Amino acid sequence: MNENKENINSKENEVPVEEEIKVTGEKTEEKAQEKEPKKTRAEKKEERKIEALKDEIEDLKEQISTLEDKVAAEKNDYVRLMAEFDNFRRRTAEEKLQLVGSAATDTIKGMLPVLDDCQRALELLKESSDDAAKEGTALIYNKLMGYLQSKGLSPIVSTGETFDTDFHEAVAQFPVPEEEKKGKVFDTVETGYMLNGKVIRYAKVVVGI
């Protein structure tokens, strides 16, 4: 009877193995936590500041990237505008030169009939005995021709030259016995002129055939 009581008491005092392991684990964790240093309020506050600074740095990086993109875009716009302005300035300068050149060409072309009249007058005065008229007409012609030549005017040499449609305008044909004269300018009816290397009036000529 006593033995049965002792067995019952020993069973009641026995702790299940699982509960014992659990209790042991909890105690181990409590000891580990006790060993870990607890963070002070100052340390936690410092960590929050660091995190805030990190976030602020990231924001600043994004702002810098955005500003760099804007600067690059504005620089491209500036370069493009400068190129367009340079093209506009060059085009305007060329147009002005063309306008001035056109005006000069028109003015000189308008004076060519005066040269023609002077040339005809000189031809007629060759048989005249009026030396004063010869000298006066020659003086006017030479001064006018000298001024126009200083502006780039030059007569087209035609008589005896091979007929060239780039410089000559055939107004008539004339049969010539010499083979070497065929296809060449036999006579010049009206002198042609060039201004700065460009034909402003074709020479009207008679071509030998």
Protein backbone atom coordinates (compact mmCIF):
# COMPACT_ATOMS: atom_id res chain seq x y z
CA MET A 1 0.00 0.00 0.00
CA ASN A 2 2.78 2.46 0.87
CA GLU A 3 4.61 1.53 -2.31
CA ASN A 4 1.56 2.46 -4.39
CA LYS A 5 1.35 5.86 -2.70
CA GLU A 6 5.02 6.55 -3.36
CA ASN A 7 4.60 5.64 -7.02
CA ILE A 8 1.62 7.97 -7.33
CA ASN A 9 3.55 10.85 -5.69
CA SER A 10 6.56 10.29 -7.97
CA LYS A 11 4.30 10.40 -11.04
CA GLU A 12 2.70 13.63 -9.90
CA ASN A 13 6.12 15.22 -9.39
CA GLU A 14 7.38 14.15 -12.81
CA VAL A 15 7.45 17.04 -15.46
CA PRO A 16 6.80 16.18 -19.08
CA VAL A 17 9.96 16.29 -21.26
CA GLU A 18 8.48 18.73 -23.80
CA GLU A 19 7.52 21.23 -21.11
CA GLU A 20 10.97 20.94 -19.59
CA ILE A 21 12.63 21.66 -22.99
CA LYS A 22 10.31 24.64 -23.54
CA VAL A 23 11.08 26.09 -20.15
CA THR A 24 14.78 25.56 -20.71
CA GLY A 25 14.60 27.33 -24.10
CA GLU A 26 12.73 30.29 -22.64
CA LYS A 27 15.30 30.64 -19.93
CA THR A 28 18.11 30.50 -22.51
CA GLU A 29 16.47 33.27 -24.57
CA GLU A 30 15.97 35.37 -21.46
CA LYS A 31 19.62 34.96 -20.61
CA ALA A 32 20.66 35.85 -24.19
CA GLN A 33 18.48 38.95 -24.12
CA GLU A 34 19.94 39.89 -20.79
CA LYS A 35 23.42 39.60 -22.31
CA GLU A 36 22.50 41.80 -25.36
CA PRO A 37 23.08 45.50 -24.60
CA LYS A 38 19.89 47.54 -24.61
CA LYS A 39 19.87 50.58 -26.96
CA THR A 40 19.51 53.93 -25.30
CA ARG A 41 17.07 56.60 -26.44
CA ALA A 42 19.96 58.67 -27.76
CA GLU A 43 21.17 55.77 -29.93
CA LYS A 44 17.67 55.18 -31.32
CA LYS A 45 17.32 58.90 -32.02
CA GLU A 46 20.69 58.90 -33.79
CA GLU A 47 19.62 55.95 -35.94
CA ARG A 48 16.45 57.77 -36.95
CA LYS A 49 18.51 60.81 -37.90
CA ILE A 50 20.82 58.65 -40.02
CA GLU A 51 17.85 57.07 -41.80
CA ALA A 52 16.35 60.53 -42.42
CA LEU A 53 19.68 61.76 -43.81
CA LYS A 54 19.87 58.75 -46.12
CA ASP A 55 16.40 59.49 -47.43
CA GLU A 56 17.33 63.14 -47.90
CA ILE A 57 20.49 62.16 -49.80
CA GLU A 58 18.46 59.95 -52.13
CA ASP A 59 16.03 62.82 -52.76
CA LEU A 60 18.93 65.16 -53.51
CA LYS A 61 20.44 62.63 -55.93
CA GLU A 62 17.14 62.44 -57.79
CA GLN A 63 16.92 66.25 -57.90
CA ILE A 64 20.49 66.48 -59.23
CA SER A 65 19.74 63.91 -61.93
CA THR A 66 16.62 65.83 -62.95
CA LEU A 67 18.51 69.13 -63.05
CA GLU A 68 21.32 67.58 -65.12
CA ASP A 69 18.77 66.35 -67.65
CA LYS A 70 17.20 69.83 -67.81
CA VAL A 71 20.61 71.48 -68.28
CA ALA A 72 21.52 69.03 -71.05
CA ALA A 73 18.21 69.69 -72.82
CA GLU A 74 18.62 73.47 -72.52
CA LYS A 75 22.20 73.21 -73.79
CA ASN A 76 21.01 71.27 -76.84
CA ASP A 77 18.33 73.90 -77.45
CA TYR A 78 20.94 76.67 -77.15
CA VAL A 79 23.32 74.96 -79.58
CA ARG A 80 20.50 74.41 -82.06
CA LEU A 81 19.37 78.04 -81.79
CA MET A 82 22.94 79.27 -82.30
CA ALA A 83 23.31 77.07 -85.37
CA GLU A 84 20.02 78.35 -86.78
CA PHE A 85 21.04 81.95 -86.08
CA ASP A 86 24.42 81.40 -87.74
CA ASN A 87 22.71 79.93 -90.80
CA PHE A 88 20.27 82.86 -90.85
CA ARG A 89 23.12 85.38 -90.60
CA ARG A 90 25.10 83.65 -93.38
CA ARG A 91 22.01 83.41 -95.59
CA THR A 92 21.18 87.07 -94.99
CA ALA A 93 24.75 88.11 -95.84
CA GLU A 94 24.63 86.08 -99.05
CA GLU A 95 21.28 87.60 -99.99
CA LYS A 96 22.68 91.10 -99.39
CA LEU A 97 25.70 90.33 -101.56
CA GLN A 98 23.45 88.94 -104.27
CA LEU A 99 21.23 92.01 -104.06
CA VAL A 100 24.20 94.38 -104.28
CA GLY A 101 25.70 92.32 -107.10
CA SER A 102 22.39 92.28 -108.96
CA ALA A 103 22.02 96.04 -108.59
CA ALA A 104 25.58 96.58 -109.81
CA THR A 105 24.99 94.24 -112.74
CA ASP A 106 21.81 96.05 -113.74
CA THR A 107 23.56 99.41 -113.51
CA ILE A 108 26.50 98.31 -115.65
CA LYS A 109 24.22 96.58 -118.17
CA GLY A 110 22.34 99.86 -118.50
CA MET A 111 25.62 101.61 -119.41
CA LEU A 112 26.60 99.16 -122.16
CA PRO A 113 24.58 100.98 -124.86
CA VAL A 114 26.62 104.11 -124.03
CA LEU A 115 29.79 102.13 -124.68
CA ASP A 116 28.28 100.93 -127.97
CA ASP A 117 27.55 104.51 -129.01
CA CYS A 118 31.08 105.57 -128.12
CA GLN A 119 32.51 102.73 -130.19
CA ARG A 120 30.34 103.63 -133.17
CA ALA A 121 31.31 107.28 -132.81
CA LEU A 122 34.97 106.39 -132.79
CA GLU A 123 34.53 104.27 -135.92
CA LEU A 124 32.81 107.15 -137.71
CA LEU A 125 35.41 109.69 -136.58
CA LYS A 126 38.28 107.65 -138.01
CA GLU A 127 37.63 109.25 -141.41
CA SER A 128 36.95 112.68 -139.91
CA SER A 129 39.46 115.51 -139.89
CA ASP A 130 38.05 116.88 -136.62
CA ASP A 131 40.82 115.97 -134.22
CA ALA A 132 39.09 117.63 -131.27
CA ALA A 133 36.01 115.44 -131.74
CA LYS A 134 38.20 112.36 -131.99
CA GLU A 135 40.11 113.19 -128.83
CA GLY A 136 37.01 114.15 -126.87
CA THR A 137 35.11 111.01 -127.84
CA ALA A 138 38.12 108.79 -127.15
CA LEU A 139 38.63 110.46 -123.77
CA ILE A 140 35.01 109.83 -122.75
CA TYR A 141 35.13 106.26 -123.97
CA ASN A 142 38.42 105.45 -122.23
CA LYS A 143 37.31 106.96 -118.91
CA LEU A 144 34.00 105.14 -118.98
CA MET A 145 35.60 101.85 -119.99
CA GLY A 146 38.33 102.24 -117.35
CA TYR A 147 35.75 102.80 -114.61
CA LEU A 148 33.63 99.82 -115.66
CA GLN A 149 36.69 97.60 -115.93
CA SER A 150 37.60 98.54 -112.35
CA LYS A 151 34.19 97.10 -111.38
CA GLY A 152 34.93 93.80 -113.10
CA LEU A 153 33.70 94.45 -116.66
CA SER A 154 35.63 92.90 -119.54
CA PRO A 155 34.78 92.67 -123.28
CA ILE A 156 34.40 89.28 -124.93
CA VAL A 157 36.92 88.79 -127.71
CA SER A 158 34.97 87.35 -130.64
CA THR A 159 36.28 88.05 -134.14
CA GLY A 160 38.53 85.21 -135.32
CA GLU A 161 37.63 83.00 -132.38
CA THR A 162 35.86 79.64 -132.62
CA PHE A 163 32.10 80.09 -132.27
CA ASP A 164 31.10 79.24 -128.68
CA THR A 165 27.48 79.32 -127.54
CA ASP A 166 28.68 80.09 -123.99
CA PHE A 167 29.85 83.53 -125.19
CA HIS A 168 28.46 84.14 -128.67
CA GLU A 169 25.03 84.61 -130.21
CA ALA A 170 24.94 83.95 -133.96
CA VAL A 171 22.85 86.53 -135.82
CA ALA A 172 23.99 85.56 -139.31
CA GLN A 173 26.12 83.15 -141.28
CA PHE A 174 28.60 84.02 -143.99
CA PRO A 175 30.19 81.63 -146.49
CA VAL A 176 33.98 81.70 -146.38
CA PRO A 177 36.34 80.07 -148.90
CA GLU A 178 39.04 79.23 -146.33
CA GLU A 179 38.42 75.94 -144.55
CA GLU A 180 40.13 77.11 -141.37
CA LYS A 181 37.67 80.02 -141.00
CA LYS A 182 34.59 77.83 -141.06
CA GLY A 183 32.93 77.58 -137.66
CA LYS A 184 34.70 80.71 -136.50
CA VAL A 185 33.42 84.22 -135.85
CA PHE A 186 33.72 86.16 -139.09
CA ASP A 187 32.53 89.51 -137.71
CA THR A 188 31.22 91.04 -134.48
CA VAL A 189 27.96 92.96 -134.80
CA GLU A 190 27.71 93.85 -131.11
CA THR A 191 30.43 93.45 -128.50
CA GLY A 192 29.66 91.08 -125.63
CA TYR A 193 30.71 91.68 -122.04
CA MET A 194 31.47 89.72 -118.87
CA LEU A 195 31.19 91.00 -115.31
CA ASN A 196 33.45 89.27 -112.78
CA GLY A 197 33.70 86.22 -115.00
CA LYS A 198 29.96 85.99 -115.73
CA VAL A 199 28.44 86.81 -119.09
CA ILE A 200 26.05 89.75 -118.84
CA ARG A 201 25.64 90.20 -122.59
CA TYR A 202 26.42 87.72 -125.34
CA ALA A 203 28.39 88.92 -128.30
CA LYS A 204 26.25 89.11 -131.45
CA VAL A 205 28.36 87.67 -134.24
CA VAL A 206 28.46 86.49 -137.85
CA VAL A 207 29.70 82.91 -138.19
CA GLY A 208 31.71 81.66 -141.16
CA ILE A 209 30.41 78.55 -142.93
